[in-house]
């Protein structure tokens, strides 16, 4: 069983938004991975980007710079 720890969870309204976010993160070398949205949260498309909590500002800046849409960035014990 995986050990739970604090994670930054980025949720999206649409699958297209999630895929665009993932693509840019991978192209720019940002750490993280796509996961199903945790039960504690709800999101329109059911996909979320999971990263270290300390990456929040970095990912917000990237999203703004690249005009990427996301629903919410939440820290969660996951």
PDB file of N, CA and C in Angstrom:
ATOM      1  N   UNK A   1       0.838  -1.188   0.000  1.00  0.00           N
ATOM      2  CA  UNK A   1       0.000   0.000   0.000  1.00  0.00           C
ATOM      3  C   UNK A   1       0.878   1.245   0.000  1.00  0.00           C
ATOM      4  N   UNK A   2       0.483   2.209  -0.806  1.00  0.00           N
ATOM      5  CA  UNK A   2       1.230   3.450  -0.939  1.00  0.00           C
ATOM      6  C   UNK A   2       1.062   4.310   0.321  1.00  0.00           C
ATOM      7  N   UNK A   3       2.147   4.906   0.765  1.00  0.00           N
ATOM      8  CA  UNK A   3       2.116   5.790   1.932  1.00  0.00           C
ATOM      9  C   UNK A   3       1.469   7.125   1.553  1.00  0.00           C
ATOM     10  N   UNK A   4       0.511   7.577   2.372  1.00  0.00           N
ATOM     11  CA  UNK A   4      -0.146   8.849   2.104  1.00  0.00           C
ATOM     12  C   UNK A   4       0.770   9.997   2.505  1.00  0.00           C
ATOM     13  N   UNK A   5       0.714  11.061   1.714  1.00  0.00           N
ATOM     14  CA  UNK A   5       1.460  12.280   2.012  1.00  0.00           C
ATOM     15  C   UNK A   5       0.735  13.451   1.361  1.00  0.00           C
ATOM     16  N   UNK A   6       1.127  14.664   1.709  1.00  0.00           N
ATOM     17  CA  UNK A   6       0.489  15.847   1.144  1.00  0.00           C
ATOM     18  C   UNK A   6       0.846  15.970  -0.326  1.00  0.00           C
ATOM     19  N   UNK A   7      -0.171  16.210  -1.141  1.00  0.00           N
ATOM     20  CA  UNK A   7      -0.004  16.364  -2.587  1.00  0.00           C
ATOM     21  C   UNK A   7      -0.791  17.584  -3.056  1.00  0.00           C
ATOM     22  N   UNK A   8      -0.334  18.165  -4.141  1.00  0.00           N
ATOM     23  CA  UNK A   8      -1.074  19.213  -4.820  1.00  0.00           C
ATOM     24  C   UNK A   8      -1.911  18.532  -5.897  1.00  0.00           C
ATOM     25  N   UNK A   9      -3.221  18.752  -5.863  1.00  0.00           N
ATOM     26  CA  UNK A   9      -4.126  18.147  -6.825  1.00  0.00           C
ATOM     27  C   UNK A   9      -4.736  19.272  -7.665  1.00  0.00           C
ATOM     28  N   UNK A  10      -4.540  19.193  -8.976  1.00  0.00           N
ATOM     29  CA  UNK A  10      -5.081  20.178  -9.912  1.00  0.00           C
ATOM     30  C   UNK A  10      -6.234  19.520 -10.653  1.00  0.00           C
ATOM     31  N   UNK A  11      -7.433  20.084 -10.524  1.00  0.00           N
ATOM     32  CA  UNK A  11      -8.607  19.510 -11.187  1.00  0.00           C
ATOM     33  C   UNK A  11      -8.979  20.351 -12.413  1.00  0.00           C
ATOM     34  N   UNK A  12      -9.768  19.745 -13.293  1.00  0.00           N
ATOM     35  CA  UNK A  12     -10.104  20.368 -14.580  1.00  0.00           C
ATOM     36  C   UNK A  12     -11.587  20.210 -14.888  1.00  0.00           C
ATOM     37  N   UNK A  13     -12.132  21.170 -15.645  1.00  0.00           N
ATOM     38  CA  UNK A  13     -13.522  21.096 -16.088  1.00  0.00           C
ATOM     39  C   UNK A  13     -13.676  20.081 -17.215  1.00  0.00           C
ATOM     40  N   UNK A  14     -12.692  20.015 -18.119  1.00  0.00           N
ATOM     41  CA  UNK A  14     -12.809  19.139 -19.286  1.00  0.00           C
ATOM     42  C   UNK A  14     -11.568  18.268 -19.445  1.00  0.00           C
ATOM     43  N   UNK A  15     -11.748  17.161 -20.131  1.00  0.00           N
ATOM     44  CA  UNK A  15     -10.631  16.269 -20.422  1.00  0.00           C
ATOM     45  C   UNK A  15      -9.601  16.972 -21.302  1.00  0.00           C
ATOM     46  N   UNK A  16     -10.071  17.794 -22.231  1.00  0.00           N
ATOM     47  CA  UNK A  16      -9.158  18.536 -23.112  1.00  0.00           C
ATOM     48  C   UNK A  16      -8.240  19.454 -22.296  1.00  0.00           C
ATOM     49  N   UNK A  17      -8.783  20.113 -21.276  1.00  0.00           N
ATOM     50  CA  UNK A  17      -7.969  20.974 -20.401  1.00  0.00           C
ATOM     51  C   UNK A  17      -6.924  20.144 -19.658  1.00  0.00           C
ATOM     52  N   UNK A  18      -7.323  18.975 -19.167  1.00  0.00           N
ATOM     53  CA  UNK A  18      -6.402  18.098 -18.438  1.00  0.00           C
ATOM     54  C   UNK A  18      -5.264  17.626 -19.340  1.00  0.00           C
ATOM     55  N   UNK A  19      -5.593  17.217 -20.544  1.00  0.00           N
ATOM     56  CA  UNK A  19      -4.579  16.719 -21.475  1.00  0.00           C
ATOM     57  C   UNK A  19      -3.633  17.841 -21.891  1.00  0.00           C
ATOM     58  N   UNK A  20      -4.162  19.045 -22.122  1.00  0.00           N
ATOM     59  CA  UNK A  20      -3.314  20.184 -22.475  1.00  0.00           C
ATOM     60  C   UNK A  20      -2.359  20.511 -21.332  1.00  0.00           C
ATOM     61  N   UNK A  21      -2.855  20.475 -20.099  1.00  0.00           N
ATOM     62  CA  UNK A  21      -2.024  20.749 -18.925  1.00  0.00           C
ATOM     63  C   UNK A  21      -0.915  19.708 -18.806  1.00  0.00           C
ATOM     64  N   UNK A  22      -1.271  18.447 -18.958  1.00  0.00           N
ATOM     65  CA  UNK A  22      -0.287  17.364 -18.880  1.00  0.00           C
ATOM     66  C   UNK A  22       0.781  17.518 -19.959  1.00  0.00           C
ATOM     67  N   UNK A  23       0.364  17.826 -21.167  1.00  0.00           N
ATOM     68  CA  UNK A  23       1.300  17.968 -22.290  1.00  0.00           C
ATOM     69  C   UNK A  23       2.332  19.067 -22.016  1.00  0.00           C
ATOM     70  N   UNK A  24       1.859  20.238 -21.574  1.00  0.00           N
ATOM     71  CA  UNK A  24       2.765  21.349 -21.296  1.00  0.00           C
ATOM     72  C   UNK A  24       3.691  21.019 -20.129  1.00  0.00           C
ATOM     73  N   UNK A  25       3.170  20.369 -19.101  1.00  0.00           N
ATOM     74  CA  UNK A  25       4.008  19.988 -17.950  1.00  0.00           C
ATOM     75  C   UNK A  25       5.123  19.039 -18.387  1.00  0.00           C
ATOM     76  N   UNK A  26       4.793  18.074 -19.211  1.00  0.00           N
ATOM     77  CA  UNK A  26       5.808  17.132 -19.674  1.00  0.00           C
ATOM     78  C   UNK A  26       6.820  17.810 -20.586  1.00  0.00           C
ATOM     79  N   UNK A  27       6.356  18.703 -21.471  1.00  0.00           N
ATOM     80  CA  UNK A  27       7.255  19.411 -22.387  1.00  0.00           C
ATOM     81  C   UNK A  27       8.218  20.324 -21.640  1.00  0.00           C
ATOM     82  N   UNK A  28       7.783  20.875 -20.511  1.00  0.00           N
ATOM     83  CA  UNK A  28       8.617  21.807 -19.743  1.00  0.00           C
ATOM     84  C   UNK A  28       9.334  21.135 -18.575  1.00  0.00           C
ATOM     85  N   UNK A  29       9.191  19.814 -18.462  1.00  0.00           N
ATOM     86  CA  UNK A  29       9.914  19.065 -17.439  1.00  0.00           C
ATOM     87  C   UNK A  29       9.374  19.214 -16.029  1.00  0.00           C
ATOM     88  N   UNK A  30       8.101  19.542 -15.891  1.00  0.00           N
ATOM     89  CA  UNK A  30       7.503  19.663 -14.550  1.00  0.00           C
ATOM     90  C   UNK A  30       7.189  18.275 -13.997  1.00  0.00           C
ATOM     91  N   UNK A  31       7.514  18.075 -12.730  1.00  0.00           N
ATOM     92  CA  UNK A  31       7.226  16.801 -12.072  1.00  0.00           C
ATOM     93  C   UNK A  31       5.732  16.692 -11.793  1.00  0.00           C
ATOM     94  N   UNK A  32       5.234  15.483 -11.879  1.00  0.00           N
ATOM     95  CA  UNK A  32       3.839  15.220 -11.579  1.00  0.00           C
ATOM     96  C   UNK A  32       3.310  14.139 -12.501  1.00  0.00           C
ATOM     97  N   UNK A  33       2.023  13.789 -12.280  1.00  0.00           N
ATOM     98  CA  UNK A  33       1.399  12.770 -13.125  1.00  0.00           C
ATOM     99  C   UNK A  33      -0.111  12.943 -13.090  1.00  0.00           C
ATOM    100  N   UNK A  34      -0.763  12.409 -14.118  1.00  0.00           N
ATOM    101  CA  UNK A  34      -2.209  12.457 -14.197  1.00  0.00           C
ATOM    102  C   UNK A  34      -2.777  11.309 -13.369  1.00  0.00           C
ATOM    103  N   UNK A  35      -3.827  11.602 -12.595  1.00  0.00           N
ATOM    104  CA  UNK A  35      -4.471  10.603 -11.737  1.00  0.00           C
ATOM    105  C   UNK A  35      -5.989  10.768 -11.837  1.00  0.00           C
ATOM    106  N   UNK A  36      -6.750   9.762 -11.416  1.00  0.00           N
ATOM    107  CA  UNK A  36      -8.198   9.972 -11.272  1.00  0.00           C
ATOM    108  C   UNK A  36      -8.437  10.947 -10.112  1.00  0.00           C
ATOM    109  N   UNK A  37      -9.473  11.748 -10.210  1.00  0.00           N
ATOM    110  CA  UNK A  37      -9.761  12.708  -9.134  1.00  0.00           C
ATOM    111  C   UNK A  37     -10.049  11.944  -7.847  1.00  0.00           C
ATOM    112  N   UNK A  38      -9.373  12.288  -6.744  1.00  0.00           N
ATOM    113  CA  UNK A  38      -9.637  11.635  -5.457  1.00  0.00           C
ATOM    114  C   UNK A  38     -11.097  11.817  -5.029  1.00  0.00           C
ATOM    115  N   UNK A  39     -11.617  10.849  -4.294  1.00  0.00           N
ATOM    116  CA  UNK A  39     -13.008  10.880  -3.835  1.00  0.00           C
ATOM    117  C   UNK A  39     -13.358  12.134  -3.042  1.00  0.00           C
ATOM    118  N   UNK A  40     -12.374  12.683  -2.348  1.00  0.00           N
ATOM    119  CA  UNK A  40     -12.625  13.856  -1.507  1.00  0.00           C
ATOM    120  C   UNK A  40     -12.934  15.108  -2.336  1.00  0.00           C
ATOM    121  N   UNK A  41     -12.605  15.074  -3.608  1.00  0.00           N
ATOM    122  CA  UNK A  41     -12.812  16.222  -4.493  1.00  0.00           C
ATOM    123  C   UNK A  41     -13.779  15.849  -5.604  1.00  0.00           C
ATOM    124  N   UNK A  42     -14.273  16.844  -6.285  1.00  0.00           N
ATOM    125  CA  UNK A  42     -15.067  16.569  -7.480  1.00  0.00           C
ATOM    126  C   UNK A  42     -14.553  17.463  -8.604  1.00  0.00           C
ATOM    127  N   UNK A  43     -14.591  16.938  -9.820  1.00  0.00           N
ATOM    128  CA  UNK A  43     -14.147  17.704 -10.977  1.00  0.00           C
ATOM    129  C   UNK A  43     -14.962  17.272 -12.176  1.00  0.00           C
ATOM    130  N   UNK A  44     -15.106  18.190 -13.106  1.00  0.00           N
ATOM    131  CA  UNK A  44     -15.926  17.928 -14.266  1.00  0.00           C
ATOM    132  C   UNK A  44     -15.499  16.735 -15.085  1.00  0.00           C
ATOM    133  N   UNK A  45     -14.202  16.526 -15.271  1.00  0.00           N
ATOM    134  CA  UNK A  45     -13.762  15.485 -16.202  1.00  0.00           C
ATOM    135  C   UNK A  45     -13.285  14.200 -15.525  1.00  0.00           C
ATOM    136  N   UNK A  46     -13.033  14.226 -14.227  1.00  0.00           N
ATOM    137  CA  UNK A  46     -12.583  13.021 -13.541  1.00  0.00           C
ATOM    138  C   UNK A  46     -11.076  12.816 -13.542  1.00  0.00           C
ATOM    139  N   UNK A  47     -10.320  13.725 -14.176  1.00  0.00           N
ATOM    140  CA  UNK A  47      -8.859  13.640 -14.190  1.00  0.00           C
ATOM    141  C   UNK A  47      -8.266  14.780 -13.373  1.00  0.00           C
ATOM    142  N   UNK A  48      -7.100  14.511 -12.790  1.00  0.00           N
ATOM    143  CA  UNK A  48      -6.409  15.533 -12.007  1.00  0.00           C
ATOM    144  C   UNK A  48      -4.903  15.362 -12.190  1.00  0.00           C
ATOM    145  N   UNK A  49      -4.173  16.461 -12.057  1.00  0.00           N
ATOM    146  CA  UNK A  49      -2.714  16.433 -12.081  1.00  0.00           C
ATOM    147  C   UNK A  49      -2.247  16.401 -10.638  1.00  0.00           C
ATOM    148  N   UNK A  50      -1.346  15.494 -10.323  1.00  0.00           N
ATOM    149  CA  UNK A  50      -0.838  15.325  -8.966  1.00  0.00           C
ATOM    150  C   UNK A  50       0.637  15.720  -8.942  1.00  0.00           C
ATOM    151  N   UNK A  51       1.005  16.610  -8.024  1.00  0.00           N
ATOM    152  CA  UNK A  51       2.388  17.079  -7.903  1.00  0.00           C
ATOM    153  C   UNK A  51       2.691  17.386  -6.442  1.00  0.00           C
ATOM    154  N   UNK A  52       3.933  17.710  -6.180  1.00  0.00           N
ATOM    155  CA  UNK A  52       4.342  18.092  -4.827  1.00  0.00           C
ATOM    156  C   UNK A  52       3.732  19.455  -4.477  1.00  0.00           C
ATOM    157  N   UNK A  53       3.282  19.635  -3.232  1.00  0.00           N
ATOM    158  CA  UNK A  53       2.638  20.898  -2.824  1.00  0.00           C
ATOM    159  C   UNK A  53       3.498  22.132  -3.063  1.00  0.00           C
ATOM    160  N   UNK A  54       4.809  21.993  -2.943  1.00  0.00           N
ATOM    161  CA  UNK A  54       5.693  23.155  -3.132  1.00  0.00           C
ATOM    162  C   UNK A  54       5.750  23.629  -4.584  1.00  0.00           C
ATOM    163  N   UNK A  55       5.143  22.899  -5.500  1.00  0.00           N
ATOM    164  CA  UNK A  55       5.120  23.269  -6.922  1.00  0.00           C
ATOM    165  C   UNK A  55       3.923  24.133  -7.292  1.00  0.00           C
ATOM    166  N   UNK A  56       3.085  24.482  -6.315  1.00  0.00           N
ATOM    167  CA  UNK A  56       1.841  25.209  -6.594  1.00  0.00           C
ATOM    168  C   UNK A  56       2.079  26.513  -7.355  1.00  0.00           C
ATOM    169  N   UNK A  57       2.935  27.380  -6.829  1.00  0.00           N
ATOM    170  CA  UNK A  57       3.202  28.666  -7.485  1.00  0.00           C
ATOM    171  C   UNK A  57       3.761  28.468  -8.883  1.00  0.00           C
ATOM    172  N   UNK A  58       4.681  27.530  -9.014  1.00  0.00           N
ATOM    173  CA  UNK A  58       5.310  27.236 -10.306  1.00  0.00           C
ATOM    174  C   UNK A  58       4.255  26.796 -11.332  1.00  0.00           C
ATOM    175  N   UNK A  59       3.334  25.946 -10.918  1.00  0.00           N
ATOM    176  CA  UNK A  59       2.297  25.461 -11.828  1.00  0.00           C
ATOM    177  C   UNK A  59       1.268  26.553 -12.134  1.00  0.00           C
ATOM    178  N   UNK A  60       0.960  27.402 -11.160  1.00  0.00           N
ATOM    179  CA  UNK A  60       0.047  28.519 -11.412  1.00  0.00           C
ATOM    180  C   UNK A  60       0.644  29.473 -12.447  1.00  0.00           C
ATOM    181  N   UNK A  61       1.929  29.771 -12.299  1.00  0.00           N
ATOM    182  CA  UNK A  61       2.607  30.654 -13.254  1.00  0.00           C
ATOM    183  C   UNK A  61       2.647  30.032 -14.645  1.00  0.00           C
ATOM    184  N   UNK A  62       2.925  28.735 -14.719  1.00  0.00           N
ATOM    185  CA  UNK A  62       2.958  28.036 -15.996  1.00  0.00           C
ATOM    186  C   UNK A  62       1.581  28.078 -16.661  1.00  0.00           C
ATOM    187  N   UNK A  63       0.542  27.811 -15.888  1.00  0.00           N
ATOM    188  CA  UNK A  63      -0.821  27.820 -16.430  1.00  0.00           C
ATOM    189  C   UNK A  63      -1.179  29.203 -16.971  1.00  0.00           C
ATOM    190  N   UNK A  64      -0.814  30.241 -16.235  1.00  0.00           N
ATOM    191  CA  UNK A  64      -1.108  31.600 -16.680  1.00  0.00           C
ATOM    192  C   UNK A  64      -0.328  31.940 -17.953  1.00  0.00           C
ATOM    193  N   UNK A  65       0.951  31.627 -17.943  1.00  0.00           N
ATOM    194  CA  UNK A  65       1.822  31.935 -19.089  1.00  0.00           C
ATOM    195  C   UNK A  65       1.373  31.198 -20.350  1.00  0.00           C
ATOM    196  N   UNK A  66       0.940  29.943 -20.201  1.00  0.00           N
ATOM    197  CA  UNK A  66       0.556  29.111 -21.341  1.00  0.00           C
ATOM    198  C   UNK A  66      -0.952  29.152 -21.625  1.00  0.00           C
ATOM    199  N   UNK A  67      -1.696  29.979 -20.884  1.00  0.00           N
ATOM    200  CA  UNK A  67      -3.158  30.079 -21.019  1.00  0.00           C
ATOM    201  C   UNK A  67      -3.845  28.725 -20.838  1.00  0.00           C
ATOM    202  N   UNK A  68      -3.387  27.971 -19.836  1.00  0.00           N
ATOM    203  CA  UNK A  68      -3.974  26.669 -19.526  1.00  0.00           C
ATOM    204  C   UNK A  68      -5.116  26.863 -18.532  1.00  0.00           C
ATOM    205  N   UNK A  69      -6.207  26.160 -18.759  1.00  0.00           N
ATOM    206  CA  UNK A  69      -7.363  26.259 -17.874  1.00  0.00           C
ATOM    207  C   UNK A  69      -7.370  25.108 -16.880  1.00  0.00           C
ATOM    208  N   UNK A  70      -7.675  25.424 -15.632  1.00  0.00           N
ATOM    209  CA  UNK A  70      -7.862  24.394 -14.606  1.00  0.00           C
ATOM    210  C   UNK A  70      -8.982  24.864 -13.696  1.00  0.00           C
ATOM    211  N   UNK A  71      -9.565  23.899 -13.002  1.00  0.00           N
ATOM    212  CA  UNK A  71     -10.688  24.210 -12.118  1.00  0.00           C
ATOM    213  C   UNK A  71     -10.193  24.714 -10.765  1.00  0.00           C
ATOM    214  N   UNK A  72      -9.302  23.932 -10.143  1.00  0.00           N
ATOM    215  CA  UNK A  72      -8.865  24.238  -8.781  1.00  0.00           C
ATOM    216  C   UNK A  72      -7.515  23.584  -8.499  1.00  0.00           C
ATOM    217  N   UNK A  73      -6.723  24.213  -7.636  1.00  0.00           N
ATOM    218  CA  UNK A  73      -5.487  23.616  -7.118  1.00  0.00           C
ATOM    219  C   UNK A  73      -5.677  23.468  -5.618  1.00  0.00           C
ATOM    220  N   UNK A  74      -5.625  22.224  -5.149  1.00  0.00           N
ATOM    221  CA  UNK A  74      -5.904  21.922  -3.757  1.00  0.00           C
ATOM    222  C   UNK A  74      -4.823  21.048  -3.172  1.00  0.00           C
ATOM    223  N   UNK A  75      -4.426  21.320  -1.931  1.00  0.00           N
ATOM    224  CA  UNK A  75      -3.505  20.420  -1.244  1.00  0.00           C
ATOM    225  C   UNK A  75      -4.339  19.406  -0.481  1.00  0.00           C
ATOM    226  N   UNK A  76      -3.945  18.141  -0.623  1.00  0.00           N
ATOM    227  CA  UNK A  76      -4.738  17.036  -0.076  1.00  0.00           C
ATOM    228  C   UNK A  76      -3.810  15.951   0.453  1.00  0.00           C
ATOM    229  N   UNK A  77      -4.168  15.363   1.586  1.00  0.00           N
ATOM    230  CA  UNK A  77      -3.424  14.225   2.123  1.00  0.00           C
ATOM    231  C   UNK A  77      -3.863  12.995   1.325  1.00  0.00           C
ATOM    232  N   UNK A  78      -3.036  12.622   0.337  1.00  0.00           N
ATOM    233  CA  UNK A  78      -3.426  11.607  -0.647  1.00  0.00           C
ATOM    234  C   UNK A  78      -2.365  10.547  -0.785  1.00  0.00           C
TER     235      UNK A  78
END
